[in-house]
Amino acid sequence: MTSPTTTLSDALAAQQERLLPCVHCGFCLPVCPTYTRLGDENDSPRGRLHLMRHVVEGRMDPASDAFRTHIDRCLGCRACEPVCPSGVEYGTLLELARETIAEHHPPSRLTRMLLTVFANRTLRAAVLFPGRVIRSLGLASLMGRVVPAVGPLRGAKLGMAMLASTKRWVPPKVSAEKKGVAPNAAPTPRGRVGVLEGCVQQGLFSHVNDATVRVLEANGYLVVPVKRQGCCGALHVHSGDLDGARTLAAANIKVFESVDVDWIVVNAAGCGAAMKDYGTLFEADAEWSERASTFAARVKDATELLADAGPRQGAEVVCSIAYDHPCHLLHAQRVETAPLQVLGAVPGAEVRVVDRADECCGGAGIYGITHPELGGQIGRDKVAAVRACRADALATPNPGCMMQIGAGLFLEGAPEGVLHPVELLDTSYLRAGFYD
């Protein structure tokens, strides 16, 4: 029997071709949120790749605290990928490294609990339902304000602030006159789509899912119900539980294969990035590789399809919107302009892109919870950039980013609301009477 160290080194060695392209040029350094704040080479993309190579070559124990510490500190924002001249697949290598570490160091109790909850539909509903009740009663806002940020209460205060930030933002009221509606705006039939409900998205942002369905239908897409769908596995991938992610991914592939749709639409950037990477997740599985790749090719962010459709112009909604890029939409999926096109289709809305909008907000899945100090520091920088826009609300198409930035705004007592871009377009369509 091989030793654990040998087995794990061999696991990373299987990815050696992905490690070799890195020439340590340093282009990744200025875009890495952890390196720019900590100044430690080991907390940069090229530094972490160097550590991975040490493990592959047997010069470093994959069970070492150093390997775990620096890999664990990575946000997984993948901002290093677009600037890398060698095309290093950093995200894939990071996930493999975390899987390697998990075999020696089980995830924290909090991480294990969250992964268990998200993987089970019944548990997920049981956990998120009380959250919706607390939010609707106004208790999340109250507790987020009065609970002191000291000791063990700091996490509770942050949790209540995040929950309070999931409340739907309502734009300023205007007259009932339908201003700005484009003439001859009847939609052209554009195909059949299935929409991923998501975990947090359906549990706390169901209004975003509802808006997504309405807006897609208003732009000519026939939305087909997809029953028995579940978690996409994104959080499991980020935590190094690749086997758990494959189990969840396979279940979703089967469910979506059972319906006749042209596209699989996702309105959460983290979920979309994970699903578009299913081909890589199953690349060593002869049975699932082709099915996963075929599935991944049909995954589209909601803003991508809407941008392809135009989208239709609705009625005027006078407001100012700060826009921030979710990392897993901009860096992982390389979708940059589509969300801005969606916001640009709303007459009266002034869109202001946040300074350094390409930098992570510090949420990064559950990073803001598991790394409150560093995640909080990065989050505060993002909140300051949002506030500098002096907008009515922040728009960003990912629930994790909405909660991370929204909580930061809430804790500062800021007046800005938080919304998904499709929500503003949905409001515009409601005022235009498209759903009558």
Foldseek 3Di string as FASTA:
>chain_A
DDDLLVVLLVLLLVCVVLLPLDPVPCQQQVQFLVCVVVVDLCLTLVNLSVVSVCSNVVNDRLQDPSNCVNLVPGLLLQPSQVRDPSRRPSSVSSLSSLLSNCVNPPDDPVLVVVLVQQLDPVSLLVVLVVLVVCLVVVVLLVCLPPQDCDDPSVLVNLVSLLSNQLDDDDFDDDDLDFAPADPPQQADADWEEEEDCARCCVSRVVVVVVLLCVQCVSNRYHYDYQPPQGHQLLSCSNNNNLVSNLVNNVSNLVRVVVDDTQAYEYLALSSLLSQLCQLVSCVVPPVCNVSSNVRSVRYDYSLVVCVVSVHGAFGARAWEEEEAERSSVCNRVVDDCSLVSLLVSHHNYHYHYFVPSNHHLLQSPPRCVVPVPSSVVSNLVRLVSRVVSVTQAYEYRHSSSSSSNSSNCSSVVHRYHYYHSSVSSSVRHVSRVSPD
